[in-house]
C-alpha atoms as a PDB file:
ATOM      1  CA  MET A   1     -26.956  -6.943-177.480  1.00  0.00           C
ATOM      2  CA  ILE A   2     -25.758  -8.113-174.070  1.00  0.00           C
ATOM      3  CA  SER A   3     -22.137  -8.947-173.363  1.00  0.00           C
ATOM      4  CA  CYS A   4     -20.784 -10.932-170.456  1.00  0.00           C
ATOM      5  CA  LEU A   5     -18.151  -9.670-168.063  1.00  0.00           C
ATOM      6  CA  SER A   6     -16.795 -12.911-166.617  1.00  0.00           C
ATOM      7  CA  LEU A   7     -15.652 -13.176-163.041  1.00  0.00           C
ATOM      8  CA  TYR A   8     -13.327 -15.799-161.608  1.00  0.00           C
ATOM      9  CA  SER A   9     -16.003 -18.221-160.504  1.00  0.00           C
ATOM     10  CA  TYR A  10     -19.623 -18.378-159.517  1.00  0.00           C
ATOM     11  CA  SER A  11     -18.665 -18.814-155.849  1.00  0.00           C
ATOM     12  CA  PHE A  12     -16.649 -15.595-156.076  1.00  0.00           C
ATOM     13  CA  CYS A  13     -19.704 -13.873-157.567  1.00  0.00           C
ATOM     14  CA  GLU A  14     -21.861 -15.151-154.738  1.00  0.00           C
ATOM     15  CA  LYS A  15     -19.475 -13.674-152.190  1.00  0.00           C
ATOM     16  CA  ILE A  16     -19.509 -10.222-153.736  1.00  0.00           C
ATOM     17  CA  ALA A  17     -23.130 -10.045-154.809  1.00  0.00           C
ATOM     18  CA  LEU A  18     -25.628  -8.838-152.258  1.00  0.00           C
ATOM     19  CA  LYS A  19     -29.145 -10.289-152.293  1.00  0.00           C
ATOM     20  CA  LYS A  20     -30.573  -7.334-154.180  1.00  0.00           C
ATOM     21  CA  TYR A  21     -27.939  -7.760-156.935  1.00  0.00           C
ATOM     22  CA  ARG A  22     -28.095 -11.563-157.271  1.00  0.00           C
ATOM     23  CA  ARG A  23     -30.713 -11.331-159.991  1.00  0.00           C
ATOM     24  CA  CYS A  24     -28.008  -9.739-162.209  1.00  0.00           C
ATOM     25  CA  VAL A  25     -25.472 -12.521-161.599  1.00  0.00           C
ATOM     26  CA  LYS A  26     -26.002 -15.672-163.683  1.00  0.00           C
ATOM     27  CA  ARG A  27     -23.604 -18.515-164.370  1.00  0.00           C
ATOM     28  CA  GLY A  28     -20.462 -16.674-163.393  1.00  0.00           C
ATOM     29  CA  CYS A  29     -20.960 -13.500-165.374  1.00  0.00           C
ATOM     30  CA  ILE A  30     -22.536 -10.100-164.985  1.00  0.00           C
ATOM     31  CA  LYS A  31     -24.811  -9.050-167.828  1.00  0.00           C
ATOM     32  CA  ARG A  32     -24.497  -5.472-169.046  1.00  0.00           C
ATOM     33  CA  PRO A  33     -25.432  -3.652-172.241  1.00  0.00           C
ATOM     34  CA  GLN A  34     -22.658  -3.688-174.815  1.00  0.00           C
ATOM     35  CA  VAL A  35     -20.829  -0.414-175.288  1.00  0.00           C
ATOM     36  CA  VAL A  36     -21.508   0.721-178.832  1.00  0.00           C
ATOM     37  CA  SER A  37     -18.573   2.249-180.652  1.00  0.00           C
ATOM     38  CA  GLY A  38     -19.000   5.816-181.827  1.00  0.00           C
ATOM     39  CA  ALA A  39     -16.461   5.193-184.570  1.00  0.00           C
ATOM     40  CA  LYS A  40     -16.319   7.604-187.473  1.00  0.00           C
ATOM     41  CA  LYS A  41     -15.291   6.746-191.024  1.00  0.00           C
ATOM     42  CA  ASP A  42     -11.635   7.219-190.149  1.00  0.00           C
ATOM     43  CA  GLY A  43     -11.897   4.479-187.509  1.00  0.00           C
ATOM     44  CA  PHE A  44     -11.932   6.743-184.469  1.00  0.00           C
ATOM     45  CA  GLY A  45     -14.904   7.934-182.452  1.00  0.00           C
ATOM     46  CA  LEU A  46     -15.131  11.222-180.637  1.00  0.00           C
ATOM     47  CA  ARG A  47     -12.356  11.370-178.076  1.00  0.00           C
ATOM     48  CA  VAL A  48     -12.669  13.649-175.067  1.00  0.00           C
ATOM     49  CA  PHE A  49      -9.702  14.510-172.867  1.00  0.00           C
ATOM     50  CA  VAL A  50      -9.746  16.345-169.536  1.00  0.00           C
ATOM     51  CA  LEU A  51      -6.909  18.398-168.069  1.00  0.00           C
ATOM     52  CA  SER A  52      -6.690  20.559-164.988  1.00  0.00           C
ATOM     53  CA  ASP A  53      -4.038  22.233-162.888  1.00  0.00           C
ATOM     54  CA  LEU A  54      -1.687  22.950-165.779  1.00  0.00           C
ATOM     55  CA  HIS A  55      -0.071  25.824-163.855  1.00  0.00           C
ATOM     56  CA  THR A  56       1.843  26.993-166.915  1.00  0.00           C
ATOM     57  CA  ASP A  57       3.431  29.856-165.006  1.00  0.00           C
ATOM     58  CA  TYR A  58       6.037  27.154-164.339  1.00  0.00           C
ATOM     59  CA  PRO A  59       8.294  26.803-167.426  1.00  0.00           C
ATOM     60  CA  GLU A  60       8.369  22.990-167.281  1.00  0.00           C
ATOM     61  CA  ASN A  61       4.558  22.874-167.412  1.00  0.00           C
ATOM     62  CA  MET A  62       4.439  25.277-170.355  1.00  0.00           C
ATOM     63  CA  ALA A  63       7.061  23.108-172.082  1.00  0.00           C
ATOM     64  CA  TRP A  64       4.808  20.076-171.607  1.00  0.00           C
ATOM     65  CA  VAL A  65       1.875  21.892-173.248  1.00  0.00           C
ATOM     66  CA  ARG A  66       4.133  22.907-176.140  1.00  0.00           C
ATOM     67  CA  SER A  67       5.221  19.264-176.536  1.00  0.00           C
ATOM     68  CA  LEU A  68       1.667  18.058-177.259  1.00  0.00           C
ATOM     69  CA  SER A  69       1.243  16.897-180.845  1.00  0.00           C
ATOM     70  CA  THR A  70      -0.367  19.323-183.284  1.00  0.00           C
ATOM     71  CA  LYS A  71      -1.698  16.388-185.374  1.00  0.00           C
ATOM     72  CA  ARG A  72      -2.624  13.584-182.973  1.00  0.00           C
ATOM     73  CA  HIS A  73      -5.538  15.424-181.319  1.00  0.00           C
ATOM     74  CA  GLU A  74      -6.746  17.602-184.182  1.00  0.00           C
ATOM     75  CA  LYS A  75     -10.212  15.963-184.156  1.00  0.00           C
ATOM     76  CA  ASP A  76     -10.494  15.645-180.365  1.00  0.00           C
ATOM     77  CA  VAL A  77     -12.241  17.545-177.580  1.00  0.00           C
ATOM     78  CA  LEU A  78     -10.339  18.929-174.593  1.00  0.00           C
ATOM     79  CA  LEU A  79     -12.002  19.983-171.346  1.00  0.00           C
ATOM     80  CA  VAL A  80      -9.759  22.300-169.323  1.00  0.00           C
ATOM     81  CA  ALA A  81     -10.975  22.245-165.729  1.00  0.00           C
ATOM     82  CA  GLY A  82      -9.239  25.284-164.305  1.00  0.00           C
ATOM     83  CA  ASP A  83      -5.927  26.397-162.865  1.00  0.00           C
ATOM     84  CA  VAL A  84      -4.333  27.043-166.237  1.00  0.00           C
ATOM     85  CA  ALA A  85      -2.136  29.961-165.134  1.00  0.00           C
ATOM     86  CA  GLU A  86      -2.103  32.820-162.665  1.00  0.00           C
ATOM     87  CA  MET A  87      -0.718  35.333-165.141  1.00  0.00           C
ATOM     88  CA  TYR A  88      -3.043  36.528-167.888  1.00  0.00           C
ATOM     89  CA  ASP A  89      -0.363  36.377-170.616  1.00  0.00           C
ATOM     90  CA  ASN A  90       0.503  32.784-169.727  1.00  0.00           C
ATOM     91  CA  PHE A  91      -3.188  31.897-169.767  1.00  0.00           C
ATOM     92  CA  ILE A  92      -3.557  33.350-173.293  1.00  0.00           C
ATOM     93  CA  LEU A  93      -0.473  31.519-174.561  1.00  0.00           C
ATOM     94  CA  THR A  94      -1.546  28.215-172.997  1.00  0.00           C
ATOM     95  CA  MET A  95      -5.086  28.341-174.348  1.00  0.00           C
ATOM     96  CA  SER A  96      -3.757  29.340-177.795  1.00  0.00           C
ATOM     97  CA  LEU A  97      -1.427  26.339-177.825  1.00  0.00           C
ATOM     98  CA  LEU A  98      -4.223  23.998-176.733  1.00  0.00           C
ATOM     99  CA  LYS A  99      -6.602  25.378-179.355  1.00  0.00           C
ATOM    100  CA  GLU A 100      -3.931  24.743-182.043  1.00  0.00           C
ATOM    101  CA  ARG A 101      -3.780  21.101-180.935  1.00  0.00           C
ATOM    102  CA  PHE A 102      -7.452  20.218-180.304  1.00  0.00           C
ATOM    103  CA  GLU A 103     -10.480  20.837-182.512  1.00  0.00           C
ATOM    104  CA  TYR A 104     -12.652  21.793-179.538  1.00  0.00           C
ATOM    105  CA  VAL A 105     -11.399  23.267-176.275  1.00  0.00           C
ATOM    106  CA  PHE A 106     -13.734  23.989-173.340  1.00  0.00           C
ATOM    107  CA  PHE A 107     -12.695  25.984-170.287  1.00  0.00           C
ATOM    108  CA  VAL A 108     -13.993  26.542-166.776  1.00  0.00           C
ATOM    109  CA  PRO A 109     -11.938  28.759-164.459  1.00  0.00           C
ATOM    110  CA  GLY A 110     -10.186  27.576-161.343  1.00  0.00           C
ATOM    111  CA  ASN A 111      -9.137  29.626-158.344  1.00  0.00           C
ATOM    112  CA  HIS A 112      -5.554  30.153-159.597  1.00  0.00           C
ATOM    113  CA  ASP A 113      -6.833  31.582-162.881  1.00  0.00           C
ATOM    114  CA  LEU A 114      -8.498  34.372-160.903  1.00  0.00           C
ATOM    115  CA  TRP A 115      -5.575  35.242-158.654  1.00  0.00           C
ATOM    116  CA  CYS A 116      -4.251  38.769-159.195  1.00  0.00           C
ATOM    117  CA  ARG A 117      -1.039  38.812-157.179  1.00  0.00           C
ATOM    118  CA  TRP A 118       1.405  38.833-160.136  1.00  0.00           C
ATOM    119  CA  GLU A 119      -0.639  40.895-162.583  1.00  0.00           C
ATOM    120  CA  THR A 120       0.782  44.245-163.699  1.00  0.00           C
ATOM    121  CA  GLU A 121      -2.691  45.699-164.352  1.00  0.00           C
ATOM    122  CA  ASP A 122      -4.821  46.750-161.411  1.00  0.00           C
ATOM    123  CA  PHE A 123      -8.011  44.701-161.562  1.00  0.00           C
ATOM    124  CA  ASP A 124      -9.930  42.437-159.207  1.00  0.00           C
ATOM    125  CA  SER A 125     -10.776  38.756-159.703  1.00  0.00           C
ATOM    126  CA  LEU A 126     -14.190  39.430-161.249  1.00  0.00           C
ATOM    127  CA  GLU A 127     -12.637  41.788-163.792  1.00  0.00           C
ATOM    128  CA  LYS A 128      -9.990  39.178-164.507  1.00  0.00           C
ATOM    129  CA  LEU A 129     -12.671  36.513-164.968  1.00  0.00           C
ATOM    130  CA  ASN A 130     -14.353  38.701-167.587  1.00  0.00           C
ATOM    131  CA  LYS A 131     -10.994  39.245-169.340  1.00  0.00           C
ATOM    132  CA  LEU A 132     -10.368  35.477-169.407  1.00  0.00           C
ATOM    133  CA  LEU A 133     -13.832  34.753-170.806  1.00  0.00           C
ATOM    134  CA  ASP A 134     -13.413  37.459-173.473  1.00  0.00           C
ATOM    135  CA  ALA A 135     -10.030  35.990-174.417  1.00  0.00           C
ATOM    136  CA  CYS A 136     -11.544  32.509-174.683  1.00  0.00           C
ATOM    137  CA  LYS A 137     -14.197  33.835-177.042  1.00  0.00           C
ATOM    138  CA  GLN A 138     -11.543  35.457-179.258  1.00  0.00           C
ATOM    139  CA  LEU A 139      -9.462  32.258-179.280  1.00  0.00           C
ATOM    140  CA  GLY A 140     -12.424  30.009-180.113  1.00  0.00           C
ATOM    141  CA  VAL A 141     -12.329  28.339-176.700  1.00  0.00           C
ATOM    142  CA  GLU A 142     -15.814  27.353-175.553  1.00  0.00           C
ATOM    143  CA  THR A 143     -17.155  28.456-172.170  1.00  0.00           C
ATOM    144  CA  ASN A 144     -20.828  27.814-172.943  1.00  0.00           C
ATOM    145  CA  PRO A 145     -22.752  24.547-173.372  1.00  0.00           C
ATOM    146  CA  ALA A 146     -22.438  22.822-176.748  1.00  0.00           C
ATOM    147  CA  VAL A 147     -23.322  19.524-178.393  1.00  0.00           C
ATOM    148  CA  ILE A 148     -20.577  17.788-180.355  1.00  0.00           C
ATOM    149  CA  ASP A 149     -21.420  14.583-182.243  1.00  0.00           C
ATOM    150  CA  GLY A 150     -24.407  14.074-179.956  1.00  0.00           C
ATOM    151  CA  LEU A 151     -22.384  14.599-176.766  1.00  0.00           C
ATOM    152  CA  GLY A 152     -23.582  17.489-174.608  1.00  0.00           C
ATOM    153  CA  ILE A 153     -20.803  19.363-172.829  1.00  0.00           C
ATOM    154  CA  ILE A 154     -21.911  21.839-170.193  1.00  0.00           C
ATOM    155  CA  PRO A 155     -19.185  23.916-168.534  1.00  0.00           C
ATOM    156  CA  LEU A 156     -20.309  24.850-165.019  1.00  0.00           C
ATOM    157  CA  PHE A 157     -19.039  27.893-163.200  1.00  0.00           C
ATOM    158  CA  SER A 158     -19.554  27.137-159.548  1.00  0.00           C
ATOM    159  CA  TRP A 159     -17.979  28.650-156.506  1.00  0.00           C
ATOM    160  CA  TYR A 160     -18.464  28.185-152.815  1.00  0.00           C
ATOM    161  CA  HIS A 161     -19.503  30.856-150.354  1.00  0.00           C
ATOM    162  CA  GLU A 162     -20.040  30.341-146.633  1.00  0.00           C
ATOM    163  CA  SER A 163     -23.668  31.458-147.002  1.00  0.00           C
ATOM    164  CA  PHE A 164     -24.284  28.175-148.876  1.00  0.00           C
ATOM    165  CA  ASP A 165     -23.417  26.225-145.712  1.00  0.00           C
ATOM    166  CA  ARG A 166     -26.581  25.245-143.847  1.00  0.00           C
ATOM    167  CA  GLU A 167     -24.949  22.624-141.594  1.00  0.00           C
ATOM    168  CA  ASP A 168     -24.144  23.051-137.924  1.00  0.00           C
ATOM    169  CA  ASP A 169     -20.722  24.469-137.126  1.00  0.00           C
ATOM    170  CA  ILE A 170     -17.895  22.089-136.346  1.00  0.00           C
ATOM    171  CA  VAL A 171     -16.859  22.509-132.728  1.00  0.00           C
ATOM    172  CA  GLY A 172     -13.383  21.981-131.366  1.00  0.00           C
ATOM    173  CA  VAL A 173     -11.635  23.289-134.493  1.00  0.00           C
ATOM    174  CA  ARG A 174     -10.533  26.905-134.799  1.00  0.00           C
ATOM    175  CA  ILE A 175     -11.681  28.337-138.125  1.00  0.00           C
ATOM    176  CA  PRO A 176     -10.971  32.021-138.802  1.00  0.00           C
ATOM    177  CA  SER A 177     -13.943  34.287-139.422  1.00  0.00           C
ATOM    178  CA  LEU A 178     -14.736  35.503-142.924  1.00  0.00           C
ATOM    179  CA  ASP A 179     -13.775  39.062-141.905  1.00  0.00           C
ATOM    180  CA  MET A 180     -10.388  37.815-140.756  1.00  0.00           C
ATOM    181  CA  ALA A 181      -9.942  35.873-143.994  1.00  0.00           C
ATOM    182  CA  ARG A 182     -10.780  38.972-146.043  1.00  0.00           C
ATOM    183  CA  ALA A 183      -8.292  41.057-144.061  1.00  0.00           C
ATOM    184  CA  LEU A 184      -5.568  38.473-144.574  1.00  0.00           C
ATOM    185  CA  SER A 185      -6.324  38.138-148.289  1.00  0.00           C
ATOM    186  CA  ARG A 186      -5.526  41.815-148.783  1.00  0.00           C
ATOM    187  CA  GLU A 187      -1.992  41.296-147.534  1.00  0.00           C
ATOM    188  CA  LYS A 188       0.356  40.284-150.345  1.00  0.00           C
ATOM    189  CA  ASN A 189       2.080  37.508-148.409  1.00  0.00           C
ATOM    190  CA  ALA A 190      -0.995  36.101-146.687  1.00  0.00           C
ATOM    191  CA  VAL A 191      -1.492  32.379-147.125  1.00  0.00           C
ATOM    192  CA  LEU A 192      -4.731  31.326-145.488  1.00  0.00           C
ATOM    193  CA  SER A 193      -6.226  29.106-148.158  1.00  0.00           C
ATOM    194  CA  LYS A 194      -6.222  28.705-151.916  1.00  0.00           C
ATOM    195  CA  THR A 195      -9.062  31.209-152.276  1.00  0.00           C
ATOM    196  CA  SER A 196      -7.339  33.876-150.189  1.00  0.00           C
ATOM    197  CA  LYS A 197      -5.353  34.910-153.301  1.00  0.00           C
ATOM    198  CA  ASN A 198      -8.535  35.990-155.065  1.00  0.00           C
ATOM    199  CA  HIS A 199      -9.351  39.667-154.788  1.00  0.00           C
ATOM    200  CA  TRP A 200     -13.087  40.310-154.961  1.00  0.00           C
ATOM    201  CA  LEU A 201     -13.344  43.880-153.696  1.00  0.00           C
END
């Protein structure tokens, strides 16, 4: 079935439609396939929510997570796109609270999740990543691809490294070398970039 998204007037359509798109514009409306509802028996389809940058090391952000309804989202999917918390204990608490509120919770780490500057244990960012992924598994938080009601969700772990850059250097802008960045990242109070807080060695 085709539905019609009406615009103000045909002359308005003519102004915004380029020649290659004019075939799609007829009598003042744009034809598009109708969106089919994925409604379940209870009247609601699969709902997917996305959150990032919760930063629950801040008490007001943790309070917001705690304030989320434990009933309203019990059939929903939540995608958590990183930067949950710097401190491991806060990460565990946050993900536990989210898992209590949502049927499915997916997680991909952000740079703040891998920072080690406030941790009491001595581990690097890769060790912390493994701890976070193990904790997610124990909590029932998904970090692997899954299909829910026909919707494929594929968490991607992707990071940037300067070796990926194949473009010419930008001239006229002073950018510190990688060696300098590594040296600065080892200093506790160094603030070079968001990723300088990660400890990889």
